Amino acid sequence: MKSAPGRTTGKSSIDLIEEAVEVLRAAKAATFAIYYAGAIPFVVTGLYFWTAMTRDPIAKLHLANSALQVALMFGWLRFCQAIFAKRIRTQLAKEVDRRWSVRQYVRFFVRQMVIQPSGLFVIPLSLLFIAPFGWVYGFYQTFTALSASEVASVGALIRETRKQTVLWPLQNVLALLTLAGFSLFVFLNLVVLAILLPTLLKMLLAIESAASRDTGALLNSTLMAACFGVTYLCVDPIIKTVYVLRCYYGASRTSGEDLKVTIQQFSLAAKTLAGLLLLCAILAFPFAARAQSSATGPSPTAPHISQAEVNRQIEAVLQQSKYNWRRAAEAIDEGQEGVVSRFLKKVFETIDNWLQKLTDWIRNFLRRIFSSRERSYDDRKFTWVTSSLLLYVLLGVAVIALATYLVYLQRKKRAMAPTMLAGLTVPLDITDESVRADQMPEDGWTALGRDLLQKGEWRLALRAFYLASLANLAQRNLIGIAASKSNRDYHNELMRRAHALPELLPAFGRNIVIFERIWYGTHPASTEALQEFSTNMEIIRSER
C-alpha cells in the first residue's frame, strides 16, 4: 500500500495543481482584479509592440519609446503579480489582509525591478541546457511568491527563495511539465477558435469579412502572439498559486502553519456538528413526547362539534365591541377611493408623465444626431465622429464622477473612524482578557494608560501600555493580532519578521517578562518596572 506524501516529500504535482485550482475558485474577486490589472495592460502593450515591430516599416523610429512602455508594463505586471501572491498566501493562512504603507509598496516594487528583469534573459538561456530550466523558472516564480514577506534585505530574500526553490525538485519539474501540456492545449484551442470564428459568423449570422473570405490569411505571427497572450492570462494565475502553495508548505515544515489552519477548520467543523446534533435533538423532541404519550395509553376522545355550531360561535365572537373596526371596514364601498389615495395616484401619474417626456426628448435628440441624412458625406462623417466622441466623453465623465465619489466616501470613512472612536461613551474593560489590541489605535491605548496612571491604577496602566505596544507592531505589519495568540506567539512571530530590527526583539521580550510578572503573577507594579517598560516601548517605537 502506497503511503501518503508527508511533510518531507511534499504533495504530488497533480494534487498540488488541483489544490491551486480550488484555492483560485475560493479567492475573492478583488484578488483576480489585482492580477488582471497588471496582466492585461502588459499583454496588450506587448501585442502592440509585436505588431508594430513586425509590420510597421518605420518601426525603428519609435523603437525606444515602445520598448520603454513594455518595460514599464513589465514592472507593473510583476508588482501586481506579487500582490496577488500575497493575497493568496493570506487566504491560505486564514489571516486578515492588512493595509500597507506607501513605503512598503515602494520597497515591494523595487524588489521586483531589481530581480525580475534578469529573468527575461536567464530563463530563455536555461532552455538551451534543458536541465536547469525547472530550477531557474522556479526561482523567479518563488521570488514573486515570497516578495511580500517581512524580510528586509534583498539578499536575505534571495537566500530564502533559493532555499524554497531547491525543495522538492521532482514535484517542481512534474508540475511544470503538467502545466506546460495544459498551456499547449489551451493555446491550440484558442488558435482553432480564432480560425473558425469568422467562418462560423458567416454561416450562422451571415457576417462577411476578409477573414472569412481568406482563412489562410489568419495564420500569421500576430494571431499567434494574441493567442499566446490570452493563454498566459488563463494559465499564469494557476502557476503563481502553485508556487505560493509550494512556499506555504515549505515554510510550514518548521512553523507548522498548515497544521494550525487545519486545527482551526476542525474546530469549526466540531462546532457545526454540535449545532446539527442540537437541532436534531430539538426536532426529535415532539416525536419522543408523542411516543411517550402513546405508551401511557390512548387519550380520551374529544367531543364532536358540528360545523354549524363552530360558525355560530365565531360569529358571536365577532359581534363583540372590540371588533367594531372590522364592520366599519366592511361598510366602505370597495370602488370608492379616499382623498389620500386619489392624491397619491395623481402624484404618480405626474411623475410618470415627466419621465415619459424626458425619455421622448432623449430619444428624439439621439435620433437627430444619428439619423441625419441630408448632409454631405464629409458632414455626416464629422457628425458621426463628433457624436461618438461626445458619448465617450460623457461615459468618461460618468466613470470619473463615480470614482471620485467612491474615493470621497472612503476618505470620509477613514476620517470618521478616529472621531467615532474618540466619541465612545462606553470605555473598554481593561480587565477583560478578551480585549484585543486592535480594538483601539496605539494613541488610544496610550491615553488610557496615562489616565489610569493618574488614578493610581498602575497595574491596569501597564496592561494598557502593553496593548499599545501590540497595536504599534500590528500597524507596522510585524505581528497579526488574534484572540488565540499568546505573548510567546507574538514573540515568535517577531523572530520571523523583524530580522532587520535587532533591538526590537530583545526590548519586546523584556516587556513581556515585566508584563507577565505583574499582570499574571504576584509582583507589584513598581515605579522601576514601569520606567523600564516605558524605556523598552521607546526602543520598540524607534526601531524602523
Protein backbone atom coordinates (compact mmCIF):
# COMPACT_ATOMS: atom_id res chain seq x y z
CA MET A 1 0.00 0.00 0.00
CA LYS A 2 1.38 3.34 -1.04
CA SER A 3 1.83 5.80 1.79
CA ALA A 4 0.51 9.30 1.63
CA PRO A 5 3.00 12.04 0.93
CA GLY A 6 4.45 13.52 4.07
CA ARG A 7 5.84 16.85 5.07
CA THR A 8 9.32 15.79 3.91
CA THR A 9 8.39 14.58 0.43
CA GLY A 10 5.68 17.07 -0.48
CA LYS A 11 2.46 16.51 -2.39
CA SER A 12 2.30 15.07 -5.85
CA SER A 13 2.28 17.54 -8.73
CA ILE A 14 -1.30 16.68 -9.72
CA ASP A 15 -2.57 17.15 -6.16
CA LEU A 16 -0.71 20.46 -5.94
CA ILE A 17 -2.27 21.74 -9.17
CA GLU A 18 -5.75 20.59 -8.12
CA GLU A 19 -5.36 22.37 -4.79
CA ALA A 20 -4.21 25.52 -6.63
CA VAL A 21 -7.37 25.45 -8.75
CA GLU A 22 -9.52 25.04 -5.63
CA VAL A 23 -7.74 27.95 -3.95
CA LEU A 24 -8.39 30.14 -7.01
CA ARG A 25 -12.06 29.15 -7.03
CA ALA A 26 -12.36 30.27 -3.41
CA ALA A 27 -10.42 33.53 -3.95
CA LYS A 28 -12.16 36.89 -3.83
CA ALA A 29 -12.93 38.94 -6.90
CA ALA A 30 -10.53 41.65 -5.70
CA THR A 31 -7.66 39.15 -5.86
CA PHE A 32 -8.32 38.45 -9.55
CA ALA A 33 -8.87 42.17 -10.21
CA ILE A 34 -5.39 42.96 -8.86
CA TYR A 35 -3.79 40.27 -11.00
CA TYR A 36 -5.50 41.24 -14.25
CA ALA A 37 -4.96 44.94 -13.56
CA GLY A 38 -1.29 44.19 -14.17
CA ALA A 39 -1.51 41.32 -16.68
CA ILE A 40 -3.96 42.75 -19.22
CA PRO A 41 -2.08 46.07 -19.81
CA PHE A 42 1.19 44.15 -20.23
CA VAL A 43 -0.32 41.68 -22.73
CA VAL A 44 -1.98 44.47 -24.73
CA THR A 45 1.22 46.57 -24.75
CA GLY A 46 3.32 43.56 -25.71
CA LEU A 47 0.94 42.64 -28.53
CA TYR A 48 1.01 46.21 -29.84
CA PHE A 49 4.83 46.20 -29.68
CA TRP A 50 5.00 42.87 -31.55
CA THR A 51 2.64 44.07 -34.27
CA ALA A 52 4.42 47.40 -34.70
CA MET A 53 7.88 45.84 -34.86
CA THR A 54 6.87 43.15 -37.39
CA ARG A 55 4.63 45.20 -39.70
CA ASP A 56 5.49 48.88 -39.40
CA PRO A 57 8.17 49.89 -41.97
CA ILE A 58 9.32 52.79 -39.80
CA ALA A 59 9.33 50.82 -36.54
CA LYS A 60 12.93 51.81 -35.76
CA LEU A 61 11.89 55.44 -35.32
CA HIS A 62 9.76 54.70 -32.28
CA LEU A 63 11.52 51.56 -31.05
CA ALA A 64 12.89 53.22 -27.90
CA ASN A 65 9.53 54.63 -26.81
CA SER A 66 7.72 51.35 -27.43
CA ALA A 67 10.38 49.35 -25.59
CA LEU A 68 10.15 51.74 -22.63
CA GLN A 69 6.37 51.24 -22.50
CA VAL A 70 6.79 47.47 -22.49
CA ALA A 71 9.41 47.71 -19.73
CA LEU A 72 7.15 49.86 -17.55
CA MET A 73 4.23 47.49 -18.11
CA PHE A 74 6.51 44.56 -17.20
CA GLY A 75 7.40 46.20 -13.88
CA TRP A 76 3.73 46.91 -13.20
CA LEU A 77 2.91 43.28 -14.11
CA ARG A 78 5.40 41.85 -11.62
CA PHE A 79 4.23 44.26 -8.93
CA CYS A 80 0.56 43.20 -9.32
CA GLN A 81 1.52 39.53 -9.51
CA ALA A 82 3.43 39.80 -6.23
CA ILE A 83 0.41 41.44 -4.55
CA PHE A 84 -1.76 38.65 -6.00
CA ALA A 85 0.59 36.06 -4.46
CA LYS A 86 0.47 37.91 -1.13
CA ARG A 87 -3.34 37.78 -1.06
CA ILE A 88 -3.32 34.06 -1.94
CA ARG A 89 -0.86 33.40 0.91
CA THR A 90 -3.11 35.35 3.30
CA GLN A 91 -6.09 33.29 2.12
CA LEU A 92 -4.22 30.04 2.82
CA ALA A 93 -3.21 31.14 6.32
CA LYS A 94 -6.78 32.31 7.15
CA GLU A 95 -5.45 35.74 8.10
CA VAL A 96 -6.76 39.25 7.54
CA ASP A 97 -5.12 41.11 4.66
CA ARG A 98 -3.66 44.19 6.32
CA ARG A 99 -3.21 47.55 4.63
CA TRP A 100 0.35 48.51 3.68
CA SER A 101 2.02 51.87 3.84
CA VAL A 102 3.36 53.70 0.81
CA ARG A 103 6.91 52.92 1.92
CA GLN A 104 6.18 49.19 1.97
CA TYR A 105 4.67 49.31 -1.52
CA VAL A 106 7.70 51.20 -2.84
CA ARG A 107 10.07 48.64 -1.31
CA PHE A 108 7.88 45.92 -2.75
CA PHE A 109 8.11 47.41 -6.26
CA VAL A 110 11.88 47.95 -6.02
CA ARG A 111 12.39 44.30 -5.12
CA GLN A 112 10.60 43.21 -8.27
CA MET A 113 12.50 45.61 -10.53
CA VAL A 114 15.86 44.54 -9.10
CA ILE A 115 15.45 40.80 -9.67
CA GLN A 116 12.69 40.07 -12.21
CA PRO A 117 14.13 41.82 -15.35
CA SER A 118 17.09 39.42 -15.35
CA GLY A 119 14.63 36.56 -15.88
CA LEU A 120 13.93 37.83 -19.41
CA PHE A 121 17.46 36.74 -20.34
CA VAL A 122 18.27 33.95 -17.87
CA ILE A 123 15.10 31.87 -18.43
CA PRO A 124 15.50 31.65 -22.27
CA LEU A 125 19.20 30.79 -21.82
CA SER A 126 18.31 27.99 -19.40
CA LEU A 127 16.16 26.40 -22.13
CA LEU A 128 19.34 25.75 -24.13
CA PHE A 129 20.54 23.34 -21.43
CA ILE A 130 17.02 21.96 -20.61
CA ALA A 131 18.00 20.50 -17.21
CA PRO A 132 18.35 23.73 -15.14
CA PHE A 133 15.20 25.29 -16.63
CA GLY A 134 12.98 23.98 -13.81
CA TRP A 135 15.19 25.50 -11.12
CA VAL A 136 15.68 28.81 -12.95
CA TYR A 137 12.00 29.26 -13.76
CA GLY A 138 11.02 28.11 -10.27
CA PHE A 139 13.43 30.62 -8.71
CA TYR A 140 11.73 33.62 -10.31
CA GLN A 141 8.25 32.30 -9.57
CA THR A 142 9.22 31.61 -5.95
CA PHE A 143 10.71 35.09 -5.64
CA THR A 144 7.34 36.53 -6.70
CA ALA A 145 5.56 34.36 -4.12
CA LEU A 146 7.92 35.43 -1.30
CA SER A 147 8.27 39.13 -2.16
CA ALA A 148 5.57 40.10 0.33
CA SER A 149 7.47 38.58 3.26
CA GLU A 150 8.82 40.80 6.00
CA VAL A 151 12.46 40.07 5.09
CA ALA A 152 14.14 43.46 4.97
CA SER A 153 17.10 42.95 2.62
CA VAL A 154 17.03 41.65 -0.94
CA GLY A 155 19.96 39.33 -0.16
CA ALA A 156 18.05 37.58 2.63
CA LEU A 157 15.03 37.26 0.35
CA ILE A 158 17.17 35.71 -2.40
CA ARG A 159 18.58 33.17 0.07
CA GLU A 160 15.09 32.23 1.23
CA THR A 161 13.96 31.98 -2.41
CA ARG A 162 16.86 29.65 -3.27
CA LYS A 163 16.05 27.51 -0.22
CA GLN A 164 12.41 27.11 -1.28
CA THR A 165 13.31 26.54 -4.94
CA VAL A 166 15.55 23.51 -4.35
CA LEU A 167 12.89 21.99 -2.09
CA TRP A 168 11.04 19.00 -3.63
CA PRO A 169 12.66 19.22 -7.11
CA LEU A 170 10.68 16.31 -8.61
CA GLN A 171 7.43 17.98 -7.64
CA ASN A 172 8.59 21.21 -9.29
CA VAL A 173 9.58 19.54 -12.58
CA LEU A 174 6.44 17.39 -12.86
CA ALA A 175 4.21 20.35 -12.08
CA LEU A 176 5.92 22.43 -14.79
CA LEU A 177 5.56 19.62 -17.35
CA THR A 178 1.87 19.20 -16.50
CA LEU A 179 1.18 22.93 -16.72
CA ALA A 180 3.16 23.16 -19.98
CA GLY A 181 0.97 20.45 -21.53
CA PHE A 182 -2.15 22.21 -20.28
CA SER A 183 -0.90 25.55 -21.69
CA LEU A 184 -0.28 23.94 -25.08
CA PHE A 185 -3.81 22.53 -25.04
CA VAL A 186 -5.29 25.97 -24.25
CA PHE A 187 -3.15 27.64 -26.93
CA LEU A 188 -4.23 25.18 -29.64
CA ASN A 189 -7.88 25.61 -28.70
CA LEU A 190 -7.58 29.38 -28.96
CA VAL A 191 -5.89 29.14 -32.38
CA VAL A 192 -8.60 26.81 -33.70
CA LEU A 193 -11.32 29.09 -32.31
CA ALA A 194 -9.73 32.19 -33.90
CA ILE A 195 -9.54 30.45 -37.28
CA LEU A 196 -13.07 29.01 -37.21
CA LEU A 197 -14.82 32.02 -35.70
CA PRO A 198 -15.07 34.11 -38.94
CA THR A 199 -16.45 31.08 -40.80
CA LEU A 200 -18.99 30.42 -38.04
CA LEU A 201 -20.11 34.06 -38.08
CA LYS A 202 -20.60 33.84 -41.83
CA MET A 203 -22.55 30.57 -41.63
CA LEU A 204 -24.76 31.45 -38.66
CA LEU A 205 -25.14 35.25 -38.83
CA ALA A 206 -24.25 35.99 -42.49
CA ILE A 207 -21.43 38.33 -41.41
CA GLU A 208 -18.94 38.55 -44.27
CA SER A 209 -15.37 39.69 -43.57
CA ALA A 210 -11.90 39.49 -45.05
CA ALA A 211 -11.03 36.73 -42.60
CA SER A 212 -13.98 34.58 -43.75
CA ARG A 213 -13.03 35.04 -47.42
CA ASP A 214 -9.40 34.05 -46.87
CA THR A 215 -8.97 31.87 -43.78
CA GLY A 216 -5.33 31.21 -44.57
CA ALA A 217 -4.51 34.88 -44.04
CA LEU A 218 -5.20 34.44 -40.34
CA LEU A 219 -2.19 32.19 -39.90
CA ASN A 220 0.25 34.97 -39.12
CA SER A 221 2.51 35.94 -36.27
CA THR A 222 0.04 38.49 -34.86
CA LEU A 223 -2.65 35.85 -34.36
CA MET A 224 -0.18 33.51 -32.71
CA ALA A 225 1.04 36.29 -30.41
CA ALA A 226 -2.56 37.18 -29.45
CA CYS A 227 -3.39 33.54 -28.68
CA PHE A 228 -0.18 33.24 -26.66
CA GLY A 229 -1.16 36.34 -24.65
CA VAL A 230 -4.64 35.01 -23.88
CA THR A 231 -3.14 31.64 -22.89
CA TYR A 232 -0.83 33.48 -20.50
CA LEU A 233 -3.81 35.25 -18.92
CA CYS A 234 -5.61 31.93 -18.43
CA VAL A 235 -2.77 29.72 -17.12
CA ASP A 236 -0.41 32.06 -15.27
CA PRO A 237 -2.71 32.56 -12.19
CA ILE A 238 -2.61 28.78 -11.68
CA ILE A 239 1.20 28.78 -11.94
CA LYS A 240 1.52 31.60 -9.42
CA THR A 241 -0.81 29.80 -7.00
CA VAL A 242 1.15 26.55 -7.36
CA TYR A 243 4.37 28.27 -6.29
CA VAL A 244 2.60 30.08 -3.45
CA LEU A 245 1.44 26.67 -2.20
CA ARG A 246 4.99 25.30 -2.51
CA CYS A 247 6.32 28.18 -0.40
CA TYR A 248 3.45 27.80 2.07
CA TYR A 249 4.06 24.10 2.65
CA GLY A 250 7.83 24.58 2.61
CA ALA A 251 7.68 27.20 5.38
CA SER A 252 5.15 25.10 7.31
CA ARG A 253 7.75 22.37 7.84
CA THR A 254 9.28 24.49 10.61
CA SER A 255 6.44 26.85 11.58
CA GLY A 256 3.56 24.34 11.45
CA GLU A 257 1.30 26.97 9.93
CA ASP A 258 -0.64 24.44 7.84
CA LEU A 259 -1.38 22.39 10.98
CA LYS A 260 -2.73 25.48 12.76
CA VAL A 261 -5.11 26.20 9.88
CA THR A 262 -6.23 22.54 9.85
CA ILE A 263 -6.90 22.63 13.60
CA GLN A 264 -8.99 25.79 13.17
CA GLN A 265 -11.01 24.09 10.44
CA PHE A 266 -11.55 21.04 12.66
CA SER A 267 -12.68 23.33 15.46
CA LEU A 268 -15.20 24.96 13.13
CA ALA A 269 -16.38 21.54 11.96
CA ALA A 270 -16.83 20.42 15.58
CA LYS A 271 -18.95 23.49 16.34
CA THR A 272 -21.05 22.84 13.24
CA LEU A 273 -21.54 19.19 14.22
CA ALA A 274 -22.59 20.20 17.74
CA GLY A 275 -25.13 22.61 16.27
CA LEU A 276 -26.53 19.91 13.99
CA LEU A 277 -26.83 17.49 16.92
CA LEU A 278 -28.66 20.14 18.96
CA LEU A 279 -31.01 20.81 16.03
CA CYS A 280 -31.72 17.08 15.64
CA ALA A 281 -32.47 16.82 19.36
CA ILE A 282 -34.92 19.73 19.14
CA LEU A 283 -36.64 18.23 16.10
CA ALA A 284 -36.82 14.78 17.70
CA PHE A 285 -38.39 16.06 20.93
CA PRO A 286 -42.03 16.13 19.63
CA PHE A 287 -41.71 12.57 18.33
CA ALA A 288 -40.33 11.39 21.67
CA ALA A 289 -43.14 13.12 23.53
CA ARG A 290 -45.73 11.54 21.22
CA ALA A 291 -44.19 8.10 21.71
CA GLN A 292 -44.26 8.57 25.47
CA SER A 293 -47.92 9.63 25.42
CA SER A 294 -48.86 6.65 23.25
CA ALA A 295 -47.06 4.37 25.68
CA THR A 296 -49.06 5.68 28.65
CA GLY A 297 -52.35 4.89 26.93
CA PRO A 298 -54.86 6.38 24.49
CA SER A 299 -56.14 9.85 25.15
CA PRO A 300 -59.88 10.35 25.76
CA THR A 301 -61.91 11.04 22.64
CA ALA A 302 -62.79 14.72 22.13
CA PRO A 303 -66.49 15.55 21.84
CA HIS A 304 -67.75 16.05 18.27
CA ILE A 305 -68.80 19.63 17.33
CA SER A 306 -70.68 20.34 14.13
CA GLN A 307 -69.53 22.91 11.55
CA ALA A 308 -72.69 24.98 12.04
CA GLU A 309 -72.02 25.27 15.76
CA VAL A 310 -68.42 26.40 15.08
CA ASN A 311 -69.62 29.10 12.63
CA ARG A 312 -72.23 30.33 15.11
CA GLN A 313 -69.66 30.69 17.89
CA ILE A 314 -67.23 32.53 15.59
CA GLU A 315 -69.97 34.96 14.52
CA ALA A 316 -70.91 35.58 18.17
CA VAL A 317 -67.31 36.43 19.00
CA LEU A 318 -67.04 38.83 16.04
CA GLN A 319 -70.11 40.73 17.28
CA GLN A 320 -68.20 41.93 20.33
CA SER A 321 -67.40 45.66 20.58
CA LYS A 322 -63.64 45.23 20.21
CA TYR A 323 -64.21 44.04 16.61
CA ASN A 324 -66.20 47.12 15.51
CA TRP A 325 -63.32 48.20 13.28
CA ARG A 326 -63.95 45.12 11.14
CA ARG A 327 -67.60 46.00 10.50
CA ALA A 328 -66.63 49.61 9.70
CA ALA A 329 -64.10 48.42 7.13
CA GLU A 330 -66.66 46.13 5.51
CA ALA A 331 -69.16 49.01 5.23
CA ILE A 332 -66.81 51.00 2.97
CA ASP A 333 -67.53 50.66 -0.71
CA GLU A 334 -64.58 48.96 -2.41
CA GLY A 335 -65.00 51.07 -5.55
CA GLN A 336 -64.81 54.36 -3.64
CA GLU A 337 -61.35 55.95 -3.27
CA GLY A 338 -60.31 58.14 -0.41
CA VAL A 339 -58.68 61.58 -0.57
CA VAL A 340 -55.18 60.27 0.19
CA SER A 341 -55.33 57.52 -2.42
CA ARG A 342 -56.54 59.98 -5.11
CA PHE A 343 -53.72 62.40 -4.21
CA LEU A 344 -51.03 59.70 -4.41
CA LYS A 345 -52.47 58.48 -7.69
CA LYS A 346 -52.20 61.98 -9.17
CA VAL A 347 -48.61 62.33 -7.92
CA PHE A 348 -47.58 59.04 -9.51
CA GLU A 349 -49.29 59.95 -12.78
CA THR A 350 -47.47 63.30 -12.87
CA ILE A 351 -44.08 61.67 -12.22
CA ASP A 352 -44.81 59.08 -14.90
CA ASN A 353 -45.66 61.84 -17.43
CA TRP A 354 -42.43 63.69 -16.63
CA LEU A 355 -40.37 60.53 -17.10
CA GLN A 356 -42.13 59.80 -20.37
CA LYS A 357 -41.42 63.31 -21.67
CA LEU A 358 -37.75 63.05 -20.64
CA THR A 359 -37.46 59.67 -22.40
CA ASP A 360 -39.05 61.05 -25.58
CA TRP A 361 -36.74 64.06 -25.57
CA ILE A 362 -33.62 61.87 -25.20
CA ARG A 363 -34.87 59.55 -27.95
CA ASN A 364 -35.52 62.47 -30.33
CA PHE A 365 -32.16 64.03 -29.51
CA LEU A 366 -30.30 60.81 -30.28
CA ARG A 367 -32.35 60.32 -33.43
CA ARG A 368 -31.39 63.81 -34.68
CA ILE A 369 -27.73 63.02 -34.01
CA PHE A 370 -27.53 59.60 -35.59
CA SER A 371 -30.23 59.79 -38.30
CA SER A 372 -29.26 62.93 -40.22
CA ARG A 373 -29.36 62.03 -43.97
CA GLU A 374 -29.49 65.47 -45.61
CA ARG A 375 -25.87 66.41 -45.15
CA SER A 376 -22.89 65.78 -47.35
CA TYR A 377 -20.61 62.79 -46.93
CA ASP A 378 -17.92 64.78 -45.09
CA ASP A 379 -20.52 66.42 -42.90
CA ARG A 380 -22.04 63.06 -41.99
CA LYS A 381 -18.61 61.72 -41.17
CA PHE A 382 -17.90 64.75 -38.97
CA THR A 383 -21.26 64.31 -37.24
CA TRP A 384 -20.60 60.63 -36.54
CA VAL A 385 -17.16 61.35 -35.11
CA THR A 386 -18.48 64.22 -33.01
CA SER A 387 -21.38 62.21 -31.63
CA SER A 388 -19.18 59.20 -30.87
CA LEU A 389 -16.66 61.46 -29.16
CA LEU A 390 -19.47 63.04 -27.16
CA LEU A 391 -20.66 59.65 -25.98
CA TYR A 392 -17.16 58.64 -24.94
CA VAL A 393 -16.69 61.95 -23.13
CA LEU A 394 -19.98 61.52 -21.29
CA LEU A 395 -19.06 57.96 -20.37
CA GLY A 396 -15.64 59.09 -19.14
CA VAL A 397 -17.19 61.89 -17.07
CA ALA A 398 -19.61 59.41 -15.51
CA VAL A 399 -16.80 57.00 -14.65
CA ILE A 400 -14.63 59.79 -13.19
CA ALA A 401 -17.56 61.10 -11.16
CA LEU A 402 -18.28 57.64 -9.79
CA ALA A 403 -14.63 57.05 -8.92
CA THR A 404 -14.40 60.48 -7.25
CA TYR A 405 -17.50 59.75 -5.20
CA LEU A 406 -16.13 56.37 -4.09
CA VAL A 407 -12.81 57.95 -3.09
CA TYR A 408 -14.71 60.65 -1.19
CA LEU A 409 -16.71 58.03 0.70
CA GLN A 410 -13.55 56.09 1.53
CA ARG A 411 -11.75 59.18 2.85
CA LYS A 412 -14.82 60.24 4.78
CA LYS A 413 -14.99 56.81 6.37
CA ARG A 414 -11.31 56.99 7.36
CA ALA A 415 -11.76 60.48 8.77
CA MET A 416 -14.83 59.49 10.77
CA ALA A 417 -13.23 56.38 12.31
CA PRO A 418 -10.97 58.25 14.82
CA THR A 419 -13.79 60.67 15.64
CA MET A 420 -16.23 57.86 16.32
CA LEU A 421 -13.63 56.07 18.38
CA ALA A 422 -12.93 59.17 20.43
CA GLY A 423 -16.65 59.70 20.98
CA LEU A 424 -17.34 56.30 22.52
CA THR A 425 -19.19 56.75 25.78
CA VAL A 426 -18.67 53.15 26.92
CA PRO A 427 -14.93 52.54 27.52
CA LEU A 428 -13.31 49.15 27.07
CA ASP A 429 -12.98 46.99 30.16
CA ILE A 430 -9.21 46.78 30.52
CA THR A 431 -9.55 43.91 33.00
CA ASP A 432 -11.30 41.69 30.44
CA GLU A 433 -8.90 39.11 28.98
CA SER A 434 -10.88 39.05 25.71
CA VAL A 435 -9.95 42.68 24.93
CA ARG A 436 -7.63 42.76 21.88
CA ALA A 437 -5.03 45.33 20.93
CA ASP A 438 -6.69 46.05 17.56
CA GLN A 439 -9.86 47.40 19.21
CA MET A 440 -8.18 50.81 19.62
CA PRO A 441 -5.21 52.51 17.94
CA GLU A 442 -1.93 52.94 19.73
CA ASP A 443 -2.73 56.53 20.74
CA GLY A 444 -5.99 55.42 22.33
CA TRP A 445 -4.28 52.78 24.48
CA THR A 446 -1.54 55.25 25.46
CA ALA A 447 -4.08 57.87 26.52
CA LEU A 448 -5.99 55.26 28.52
CA GLY A 449 -2.77 54.17 30.26
CA ARG A 450 -1.94 57.75 31.25
CA ASP A 451 -5.43 58.23 32.70
CA LEU A 452 -5.05 55.06 34.74
CA LEU A 453 -1.64 56.22 35.99
CA GLN A 454 -3.19 59.48 37.23
CA LYS A 455 -5.86 57.46 39.05
CA GLY A 456 -3.24 55.26 40.73
CA GLU A 457 -4.19 52.10 38.81
CA TRP A 458 -0.62 51.18 37.90
CA ARG A 459 -1.33 47.52 37.14
CA LEU A 460 -4.14 48.38 34.70
CA ALA A 461 -2.00 51.14 33.17
CA LEU A 462 0.74 48.57 32.48
CA ARG A 463 -1.76 46.40 30.57
CA ALA A 464 -2.91 49.43 28.53
CA PHE A 465 0.70 50.27 27.62
CA TYR A 466 1.35 46.64 26.65
CA LEU A 467 -1.70 46.66 24.34
CA ALA A 468 -0.39 49.93 22.88
CA SER A 469 2.89 48.22 22.00
CA LEU A 470 0.98 45.36 20.32
CA ALA A 471 -1.09 47.88 18.35
CA ASN A 472 2.13 49.60 17.23
CA LEU A 473 3.64 46.35 15.99
CA ALA A 474 0.41 45.33 14.25
CA GLN A 475 0.19 48.70 12.49
CA ARG A 476 3.70 48.08 11.10
CA ASN A 477 2.64 44.56 9.92
CA LEU A 478 5.19 42.92 12.20
CA ILE A 479 2.56 40.83 14.01
CA GLY A 480 -1.03 39.83 13.44
CA ILE A 481 -3.47 40.38 16.32
CA ALA A 482 -5.61 37.34 17.16
CA ALA A 483 -7.51 36.27 20.27
CA SER A 484 -5.97 32.79 20.12
CA LYS A 485 -2.35 34.04 20.22
CA SER A 486 -0.32 34.19 23.41
CA ASN A 487 2.50 36.58 24.24
CA ARG A 488 5.01 33.92 23.19
CA ASP A 489 3.24 33.59 19.85
CA TYR A 490 3.77 37.30 19.24
CA HIS A 491 7.42 36.94 20.26
CA ASN A 492 7.94 34.03 17.84
CA GLU A 493 6.20 35.99 15.09
CA LEU A 494 8.60 38.87 15.62
CA MET A 495 11.52 36.45 15.39
CA ARG A 496 10.39 35.57 11.85
CA ARG A 497 9.54 39.07 10.65
CA ALA A 498 11.86 41.51 12.42
CA HIS A 499 15.28 40.24 11.32
CA ALA A 500 16.38 43.72 10.24
CA LEU A 501 15.45 45.30 13.61
CA PRO A 502 17.98 43.86 16.08
CA GLU A 503 16.97 45.99 19.08
CA LEU A 504 13.22 45.45 18.76
CA LEU A 505 13.01 41.77 19.69
CA PRO A 506 15.01 42.00 22.99
CA ALA A 507 13.03 45.08 24.07
CA PHE A 508 9.73 43.36 23.38
CA GLY A 509 10.91 40.21 25.19
CA ARG A 510 11.84 42.21 28.31
CA ASN A 511 8.42 43.90 28.27
CA ILE A 512 6.71 40.50 28.05
CA VAL A 513 8.58 39.38 31.19
CA ILE A 514 7.65 42.56 33.08
CA PHE A 515 4.01 42.39 31.98
CA GLU A 516 3.53 38.69 32.83
CA ARG A 517 5.19 39.02 36.25
CA ILE A 518 2.87 41.89 37.22
CA TRP A 519 -0.36 41.01 35.38
CA TYR A 520 -0.38 37.24 35.90
CA GLY A 521 1.95 36.97 38.88
CA THR A 522 2.15 38.48 42.32
CA HIS A 523 4.80 41.14 41.68
CA PRO A 524 3.67 44.72 42.41
CA ALA A 525 3.58 47.40 39.70
CA SER A 526 6.52 49.44 40.99
CA THR A 527 7.91 52.66 39.62
CA GLU A 528 11.11 50.92 38.48
CA ALA A 529 9.13 48.32 36.49
CA LEU A 530 7.01 50.97 34.78
CA GLN A 531 10.10 53.04 33.98
CA GLU A 532 11.86 50.02 32.42
CA PHE A 533 8.71 49.15 30.48
CA SER A 534 8.47 52.74 29.16
CA THR A 535 12.14 52.66 28.05
CA ASN A 536 11.59 49.43 26.15
CA MET A 537 8.49 50.89 24.47
CA GLU A 538 10.53 53.83 23.21
CA ILE A 539 13.00 51.36 21.69
CA ILE A 540 10.13 49.48 20.03
CA ARG A 541 8.73 52.69 18.55
CA SER A 542 12.11 53.93 17.32
CA GLU A 543 13.20 50.67 15.63
CA ARG A 544 12.10 51.04 11.99
